Amino acid sequence: QVQLVESGGGLVQAGGSLRLSCAASGRTINHYTMGWFRQAPGKEREIVSGISWSGDGTYYKDSVKGRFTISTDNAKNTVYLQMNSLKPEDTAVYYCAARSGTYIATTDYTYWGQGTQVTVSS
């Protein structure tokens, strides 16, 4: 079992950057495929990015390709989401999640963090 805690959200102007962190405890993240999700008000939760447990596979939602980058630091047992060129439509609560197996682009994740709010002003 793994526990996940996100941080790094906040208010930023359009065009700005934020880096989200997801600190894991209980088990090392290299046992899991890790994903970043977001949920905007009135919308369903969607996967934004993910990285396979082996680290050699990544996924990005089309609308964030070229702007967001997922990475891991196994020494710190932490997953990051670097978000550049932020847009108002990126405003949402962002969640970190973990699952066993290699498939990334699914909502079938087992472990979830509590979420961190990202607000992008125009």
Protein backbone atom coordinates (compact mmCIF):
# COMPACT_ATOMS: atom_id res chain seq x y z
CA GLN A 1 0.00 0.00 0.00
CA VAL A 2 1.19 3.51 -0.75
CA GLN A 3 0.11 6.89 0.61
CA LEU A 4 0.27 9.94 -1.65
CA VAL A 5 0.43 13.63 -0.72
CA GLU A 6 0.34 16.36 -3.36
CA SER A 7 1.71 19.87 -3.02
CA GLY A 8 2.67 22.79 -5.20
CA GLY A 9 -0.68 24.04 -6.36
CA GLY A 10 -1.65 27.68 -6.25
CA LEU A 11 -2.78 30.72 -8.19
CA VAL A 12 -0.81 31.71 -11.27
CA GLN A 13 -1.38 33.98 -14.23
CA ALA A 14 -1.87 32.60 -17.70
CA GLY A 15 1.48 31.79 -19.24
CA GLY A 16 3.03 31.03 -15.89
CA SER A 17 4.40 27.81 -14.45
CA LEU A 18 3.88 25.55 -11.48
CA ARG A 19 5.50 22.34 -10.37
CA LEU A 20 3.32 19.84 -8.56
CA SER A 21 4.89 17.28 -6.27
CA CYS A 22 3.50 13.96 -5.11
CA ALA A 23 5.34 12.50 -2.15
CA ALA A 24 4.79 8.79 -1.64
CA SER A 25 5.19 6.76 1.52
CA GLY A 26 4.62 3.16 2.47
CA ARG A 27 6.17 1.72 -0.65
CA THR A 28 8.55 2.92 -3.33
CA ILE A 29 7.01 4.45 -6.43
CA ASN A 30 9.01 2.25 -8.77
CA HIS A 31 6.52 -0.49 -7.89
CA TYR A 32 3.69 1.53 -9.46
CA THR A 33 2.54 3.26 -12.56
CA MET A 34 1.96 6.85 -11.48
CA GLY A 35 -0.60 9.25 -12.86
CA TRP A 36 -1.64 12.87 -12.56
CA PHE A 37 -5.35 13.58 -12.89
CA ARG A 38 -7.41 16.73 -12.71
CA GLN A 39 -11.03 17.58 -12.07
CA ALA A 40 -12.55 20.93 -12.91
CA PRO A 41 -15.89 22.05 -11.42
CA GLY A 42 -18.77 20.27 -13.12
CA LYS A 43 -16.47 18.00 -15.11
CA GLU A 44 -15.32 14.44 -14.76
CA ARG A 45 -11.90 13.58 -13.50
CA GLU A 46 -9.45 13.08 -16.36
CA ILE A 47 -5.95 11.80 -16.67
CA VAL A 48 -3.43 14.47 -17.57
CA SER A 49 -0.19 12.55 -17.55
CA GLY A 50 1.31 9.31 -16.35
CA ILE A 51 4.52 7.33 -16.20
CA SER A 52 4.94 3.58 -16.10
CA TRP A 53 6.56 1.85 -13.15
CA SER A 54 9.64 1.12 -15.26
CA GLY A 55 9.93 4.79 -16.20
CA ASP A 56 10.20 4.08 -19.90
CA GLY A 57 6.62 4.86 -20.82
CA THR A 58 4.81 8.16 -20.49
CA TYR A 59 1.41 9.51 -21.42
CA TYR A 60 0.15 13.06 -21.89
CA LYS A 61 -3.32 14.32 -22.64
CA ASP A 62 -3.26 16.01 -26.03
CA SER A 63 -4.05 19.44 -24.63
CA VAL A 64 -0.99 19.43 -22.34
CA LYS A 65 1.57 17.93 -24.70
CA GLY A 66 4.58 20.20 -25.00
CA ARG A 67 3.58 22.14 -21.87
CA PHE A 68 3.57 19.56 -19.05
CA THR A 69 6.33 17.15 -18.11
CA ILE A 70 6.09 14.24 -15.69
CA SER A 71 9.17 13.00 -13.88
CA THR A 72 10.16 10.91 -10.90
CA ASP A 73 12.85 11.08 -8.25
CA ASN A 74 13.19 7.62 -6.80
CA ALA A 75 15.60 8.81 -4.11
CA LYS A 76 12.89 11.15 -2.81
CA ASN A 77 10.07 8.75 -3.68
CA THR A 78 8.34 11.65 -5.40
CA VAL A 79 6.59 12.25 -8.70
CA TYR A 80 6.52 15.70 -10.26
CA LEU A 81 4.39 17.44 -12.83
CA GLN A 82 6.05 20.49 -14.31
CA MET A 83 3.40 22.69 -15.86
CA ASN A 84 4.45 25.50 -18.18
CA SER A 85 2.51 27.94 -20.33
CA LEU A 86 -0.52 27.47 -18.13
CA LYS A 87 -3.94 28.38 -19.46
CA PRO A 88 -7.17 29.23 -17.64
CA GLU A 89 -8.60 25.91 -18.85
CA ASP A 90 -5.94 24.12 -16.81
CA THR A 91 -7.72 25.29 -13.66
CA ALA A 92 -8.72 22.24 -11.62
CA VAL A 93 -7.94 20.16 -8.60
CA TYR A 94 -4.97 17.99 -9.48
CA TYR A 95 -4.61 14.51 -8.05
CA CYS A 96 -1.75 12.08 -7.92
CA ALA A 97 -2.55 8.38 -8.22
CA ALA A 98 -0.83 5.01 -8.33
CA ARG A 99 -1.70 1.63 -9.78
CA SER A 100 -0.08 -1.73 -10.30
CA GLY A 101 0.56 -2.79 -13.87
CA THR A 102 1.97 -0.92 -16.82
CA TYR A 103 -1.13 0.53 -18.46
CA ILE A 104 -1.11 4.29 -17.93
CA ALA A 105 -4.09 5.85 -19.75
CA THR A 106 -6.89 4.59 -17.57
CA THR A 107 -8.86 5.91 -14.61
CA ASP A 108 -8.48 2.56 -12.86
CA TYR A 109 -5.93 3.68 -10.30
CA THR A 110 -5.89 2.20 -6.82
CA TYR A 111 -4.30 4.82 -4.61
CA TRP A 112 -5.11 8.53 -4.63
CA GLY A 113 -3.87 11.67 -2.98
CA GLN A 114 -6.09 14.37 -1.54
CA GLY A 115 -5.57 16.79 -4.40
CA THR A 116 -4.10 20.25 -4.80
CA GLN A 117 -5.87 23.24 -6.34
CA VAL A 118 -4.42 24.89 -9.42
CA THR A 119 -6.02 28.15 -10.52
CA VAL A 120 -4.89 29.96 -13.65
CA SER A 121 -6.12 33.51 -14.06
CA SER A 122 -6.53 35.18 -17.44
